[in-house]
Structure formats: C-alpha cells, structure tokens
Amino acid sequence: MMHLIMLGPPGSGKGTQGEMVAQALGLPHIATGDIFRQAVKESTKMGRKAQLYMERGELVPDEVVVGIVSERLKKPDCKGGFVLDGFPRTVAQAEALNGILLGLGKKLDGAILLEVEREILVERLSGRRVCRQCGATYHLEHTPPGEPDRCDKCGGQLYQRKDDGEETVRRRLNVYAEEAGPLEAYYQERGLLRIVPANQPIKMVFADILRKLGRGQ
C-alpha cells in the first residue's frame, strides 16, 4: 500500500512519470484534470458545483476542488493506495488532503518532486503539440509525429495550445514558482519530499523515482 503525490512545474513530466509509477506499483494514477472532467460528466455533487464556476469563467474554489478529490479517493480502486498528480498545489490544499486521508484512516507516504531547469521547461512546453481529435501529445523535437501536423493515432490535426506559447509558458512557470516554494517546504519539513532530477531520459527519471521509494535496484 502506498499513497503518493507528484509535484513539479508544468513540463516536468508529472503525468508521464505518474502513470509509469502507478503501473509499476499496481495503483490508480489520478490526474486532477481527468477527475474534474469525469465529475462534471457524471454530474456528481461536486462536479455540478465545479461546472457552475467554469461556465462563468471563474476559478473553481478550493472547497470544490478538495471535494472532487475526496470523492475520487473514496472509490474502491484507491483502497490499496494511489498516485495523485496535479493536487495539492498549495499548502492549504495539502492540509485538506491530510484531512481527507485522515478520514479514510490513511496517510501520505511520499511527495515526489521532479526538478527541471527553467529553460528546459520552456523548450519542452513551447514545442508541445496536441491532437484536436483524441488529445494525444507530441513534441516537435523529442516525440514528433510521423506526418507534420497530423496525429499518428487518429490522423487528427495537431495544434499548439494557447498556454504553450513561450510568453505564456514563462508566466505559468512564474505562477508555479510562487506556489511551489511553500508547498515543497511543507513536505520537506515532514520528511516526505523525494527530489528527482527530471532533465534526464524518461527511463532514468523513472528508475530514480523507484529508488527513492525503496522499490528500485
């Protein structure tokens, strides 16, 4: 049984590594973006609340975000643990997560922080392209599609998301840095932070994570 969270700036590989770690440990990988969409689709109590804010173009308040995460962590597949990606983002959310886990008779086992140099992150994010049809992700340099601007999986058109433009990427990284410092310190003080350099090949990052969790060679 292991309860983990993935931390790191946009472009650090949290989603990729989260999925790999979850698969290796036989746990569900819980990406907050996915559970938000699912909660809205299923019209859960918190999903309906979130939809009201999103329809008005407003930020979803913490109490609703926490509620959606809580709904997901109470599902049967999380009984043996989970890998949570995208939450918490602030110390207040971290405290709320502690409360959720306490209510379930569980505790957090580790916070994996993927560290990457800023300019590498800018290059990674501004080179990203996404399929309009199936959502598959590519990178112009590292994982280019076989045919320019076309998805290998479904043939859909690839595009650059507005928040992947270089200027926007730099703003996103500034916002992340403001939130991340206190959150990282919070988990460091509790002996839960596991720092992993993530500017190396994906397999090496994955191997480092497993070692930090006592599961590698």
Protein backbone atom coordinates (compact mmCIF):
# COMPACT_ATOMS: atom_id res chain seq x y z
CA MET A 1 0.00 0.00 0.00
CA MET A 2 1.41 3.38 -0.98
CA HIS A 3 -0.12 6.87 -1.19
CA LEU A 4 1.94 9.25 -3.31
CA ILE A 5 1.69 12.69 -4.88
CA MET A 6 3.60 14.01 -7.89
CA LEU A 7 4.99 17.55 -7.68
CA GLY A 8 6.82 19.61 -10.26
CA PRO A 9 6.40 22.51 -12.66
CA PRO A 10 4.48 22.33 -15.95
CA GLY A 11 6.53 20.28 -18.41
CA SER A 12 8.44 18.34 -15.76
CA GLY A 13 6.81 15.05 -16.76
CA LYS A 14 4.47 14.54 -13.80
CA GLY A 15 1.80 12.89 -15.94
CA THR A 16 4.19 10.54 -17.72
CA GLN A 17 6.05 9.52 -14.57
CA GLY A 18 2.86 9.34 -12.53
CA GLU A 19 1.40 6.82 -14.97
CA MET A 20 4.60 4.76 -15.01
CA VAL A 21 4.93 4.70 -11.22
CA ALA A 22 1.26 3.83 -10.78
CA GLN A 23 1.53 0.96 -13.25
CA ALA A 24 4.71 -0.35 -11.62
CA LEU A 25 3.10 -0.32 -8.17
CA GLY A 26 -0.32 -1.54 -9.30
CA LEU A 27 -2.06 1.66 -8.21
CA PRO A 28 -4.52 4.04 -9.90
CA HIS A 29 -2.99 7.17 -11.44
CA ILE A 30 -5.26 10.07 -10.53
CA ALA A 31 -4.77 13.21 -12.62
CA THR A 32 -6.86 16.09 -11.29
CA GLY A 33 -7.74 17.34 -14.78
CA ASP A 34 -9.20 13.93 -15.60
CA ILE A 35 -11.22 13.62 -12.40
CA PHE A 36 -12.60 17.14 -12.86
CA ARG A 37 -13.88 16.24 -16.30
CA GLN A 38 -15.24 12.93 -15.02
CA ALA A 39 -17.01 14.55 -12.07
CA VAL A 40 -18.69 17.05 -14.40
CA LYS A 41 -19.59 14.29 -16.87
CA GLU A 42 -21.07 12.08 -14.12
CA SER A 43 -22.81 15.13 -12.62
CA THR A 44 -21.62 14.34 -9.10
CA LYS A 45 -22.48 16.82 -6.35
CA MET A 46 -19.07 18.48 -6.56
CA GLY A 47 -18.95 18.12 -10.35
CA ARG A 48 -22.12 20.17 -10.66
CA LYS A 49 -20.67 22.85 -8.39
CA ALA A 50 -17.44 22.97 -10.41
CA GLN A 51 -19.37 23.28 -13.66
CA LEU A 52 -21.18 26.38 -12.40
CA TYR A 53 -17.88 28.17 -11.78
CA MET A 54 -16.32 27.01 -15.05
CA GLU A 55 -19.34 28.13 -17.07
CA ARG A 56 -18.93 31.61 -15.58
CA GLY A 57 -15.22 31.57 -16.40
CA GLU A 58 -14.30 31.69 -12.72
CA LEU A 59 -11.67 29.75 -10.80
CA VAL A 60 -13.09 26.74 -9.02
CA PRO A 61 -12.70 27.41 -5.26
CA ASP A 62 -10.61 25.14 -3.05
CA GLU A 63 -13.59 23.65 -1.26
CA VAL A 64 -14.95 22.29 -4.55
CA VAL A 65 -11.53 21.11 -5.78
CA VAL A 66 -10.99 19.33 -2.46
CA GLY A 67 -14.48 17.86 -2.66
CA ILE A 68 -13.84 16.38 -6.10
CA VAL A 69 -10.52 14.88 -4.97
CA SER A 70 -12.22 13.48 -1.88
CA GLU A 71 -14.96 11.85 -3.98
CA ARG A 72 -12.30 10.17 -6.14
CA LEU A 73 -10.10 8.93 -3.28
CA LYS A 74 -13.09 7.23 -1.66
CA LYS A 75 -13.63 4.96 -4.67
CA PRO A 76 -12.80 1.25 -4.21
CA ASP A 77 -9.77 1.22 -6.54
CA CYS A 78 -7.93 3.59 -4.15
CA LYS A 79 -8.22 1.22 -1.21
CA GLY A 80 -4.67 -0.03 -1.76
CA GLY A 81 -3.18 3.39 -2.50
CA PHE A 82 -2.84 5.88 -5.36
CA VAL A 83 -0.55 8.19 -7.30
CA LEU A 84 -2.07 11.69 -7.25
CA ASP A 85 -0.96 14.12 -9.96
CA GLY A 86 -1.91 17.82 -10.00
CA PHE A 87 -3.06 18.13 -6.39
CA PRO A 88 -2.23 19.65 -3.98
CA ARG A 89 -0.93 22.92 -5.45
CA THR A 90 -0.91 24.98 -2.25
CA VAL A 91 -0.24 24.41 1.44
CA ALA A 92 -3.96 24.89 2.13
CA GLN A 93 -4.75 22.07 -0.31
CA ALA A 94 -2.03 19.92 1.27
CA GLU A 95 -3.65 20.37 4.66
CA ALA A 96 -7.02 19.48 3.13
CA LEU A 97 -5.51 16.32 1.61
CA ASN A 98 -4.21 15.34 5.05
CA GLY A 99 -7.75 15.71 6.35
CA ILE A 100 -9.18 13.53 3.58
CA LEU A 101 -6.61 10.80 4.23
CA LEU A 102 -7.08 11.00 7.99
CA GLY A 103 -10.80 10.48 7.47
CA LEU A 104 -10.01 7.38 5.42
CA GLY A 105 -7.56 6.05 8.00
CA LYS A 106 -4.61 6.60 5.64
CA LYS A 107 -1.52 8.77 5.41
CA LEU A 108 0.69 10.15 2.66
CA ASP A 109 3.85 8.09 2.04
CA GLY A 110 5.75 10.44 -0.23
CA ALA A 111 5.76 13.60 -2.34
CA ILE A 112 7.87 13.11 -5.47
CA LEU A 113 9.28 16.41 -6.77
CA LEU A 114 10.51 16.43 -10.39
CA GLU A 115 13.12 19.17 -10.77
CA VAL A 116 13.96 20.61 -14.20
CA GLU A 117 15.88 23.76 -15.22
CA ARG A 118 13.62 26.61 -16.27
CA GLU A 119 14.89 26.99 -19.85
CA ILE A 120 14.47 23.26 -20.46
CA LEU A 121 10.86 23.58 -19.32
CA VAL A 122 10.26 26.50 -21.70
CA GLU A 123 11.63 24.44 -24.60
CA ARG A 124 9.62 21.38 -23.64
CA LEU A 125 6.31 23.22 -23.31
CA SER A 126 6.57 25.57 -26.28
CA GLY A 127 7.39 22.59 -28.54
CA ARG A 128 4.35 20.62 -27.45
CA ARG A 129 1.54 19.86 -29.90
CA VAL A 130 -1.82 18.25 -29.09
CA CYS A 131 -4.29 16.35 -31.27
CA ARG A 132 -7.65 18.14 -31.56
CA GLN A 133 -9.43 14.83 -32.01
CA CYS A 134 -8.02 12.35 -29.47
CA GLY A 135 -5.85 14.54 -27.23
CA ALA A 136 -2.59 12.67 -27.95
CA THR A 137 0.50 14.77 -27.16
CA TYR A 138 3.65 15.20 -29.25
CA HIS A 139 6.81 17.30 -29.13
CA LEU A 140 8.33 18.83 -32.25
CA GLU A 141 11.85 17.82 -31.19
CA HIS A 142 11.56 14.85 -28.83
CA THR A 143 8.45 12.96 -30.00
CA PRO A 144 7.47 14.38 -33.39
CA PRO A 145 4.54 12.90 -35.34
CA GLY A 146 5.29 10.80 -38.41
CA GLU A 147 3.49 13.33 -40.60
CA PRO A 148 3.74 17.06 -39.82
CA ASP A 149 0.68 18.43 -38.02
CA ARG A 150 -1.10 15.03 -38.07
CA CYS A 151 -1.72 12.64 -35.19
CA ASP A 152 -0.16 9.18 -35.61
CA LYS A 153 -3.01 7.60 -33.66
CA CYS A 154 -6.13 9.01 -35.32
CA GLY A 155 -4.99 11.32 -38.11
CA GLY A 156 -6.42 14.37 -36.33
CA GLN A 157 -4.96 17.85 -36.67
CA LEU A 158 -2.23 18.86 -34.22
CA TYR A 159 -2.18 22.32 -32.69
CA GLN A 160 -0.32 24.37 -30.10
CA ARG A 161 -2.41 25.19 -27.05
CA LYS A 162 -2.57 28.89 -26.17
CA ASP A 163 -0.92 28.22 -22.82
CA ASP A 164 2.02 26.54 -24.58
CA GLY A 165 3.18 29.75 -26.31
CA GLU A 166 6.59 30.84 -24.96
CA GLU A 167 5.42 34.05 -23.26
CA THR A 168 2.50 32.24 -21.61
CA VAL A 169 4.78 29.38 -20.57
CA ARG A 170 7.08 31.79 -18.74
CA ARG A 171 4.12 33.34 -16.92
CA ARG A 172 2.85 29.87 -15.94
CA LEU A 173 6.27 28.96 -14.55
CA ASN A 174 6.35 32.20 -12.51
CA VAL A 175 2.94 31.41 -11.01
CA TYR A 176 4.02 27.85 -10.25
CA ALA A 177 7.23 29.02 -8.55
CA GLU A 178 5.25 31.31 -6.22
CA GLU A 179 3.03 28.43 -5.09
CA ALA A 180 5.66 25.70 -5.15
CA GLY A 181 8.18 27.08 -2.66
CA PRO A 182 5.91 26.89 0.43
CA LEU A 183 4.42 23.55 -0.69
CA GLU A 184 7.83 21.95 -1.17
CA ALA A 185 8.96 23.29 2.22
CA TYR A 186 5.78 21.87 3.78
CA TYR A 187 6.59 18.34 2.61
CA GLN A 188 10.33 18.72 3.25
CA GLU A 189 9.63 19.59 6.90
CA ARG A 190 7.53 16.43 7.22
CA GLY A 191 10.23 14.22 5.74
CA LEU A 192 8.05 13.29 2.75
CA LEU A 193 9.78 15.12 -0.13
CA ARG A 194 11.69 12.96 -2.63
CA ILE A 195 13.59 15.17 -5.10
CA VAL A 196 14.32 13.64 -8.51
CA PRO A 197 16.26 15.39 -11.33
CA ALA A 198 13.92 15.20 -14.33
CA ASN A 199 16.09 16.67 -17.10
CA GLN A 200 17.37 13.18 -17.92
CA PRO A 201 15.81 10.45 -20.11
CA ILE A 202 12.35 9.26 -19.05
CA LYS A 203 13.52 5.76 -18.09
CA MET A 204 16.29 7.17 -15.89
CA VAL A 205 13.85 9.51 -14.13
CA PHE A 206 11.52 6.56 -13.54
CA ALA A 207 14.37 4.42 -12.14
CA ASP A 208 15.38 7.27 -9.81
CA ILE A 209 11.81 7.59 -8.52
CA LEU A 210 11.60 3.87 -7.75
CA ARG A 211 14.94 4.04 -5.91
CA LYS A 212 13.73 7.00 -3.84
CA LEU A 213 10.66 4.93 -2.92
CA GLY A 214 12.79 1.94 -1.96
CA ARG A 215 11.49 -0.07 -4.90
CA GLY A 216 14.45 0.16 -7.29
CA GLN A 217 17.79 -1.54 -7.60
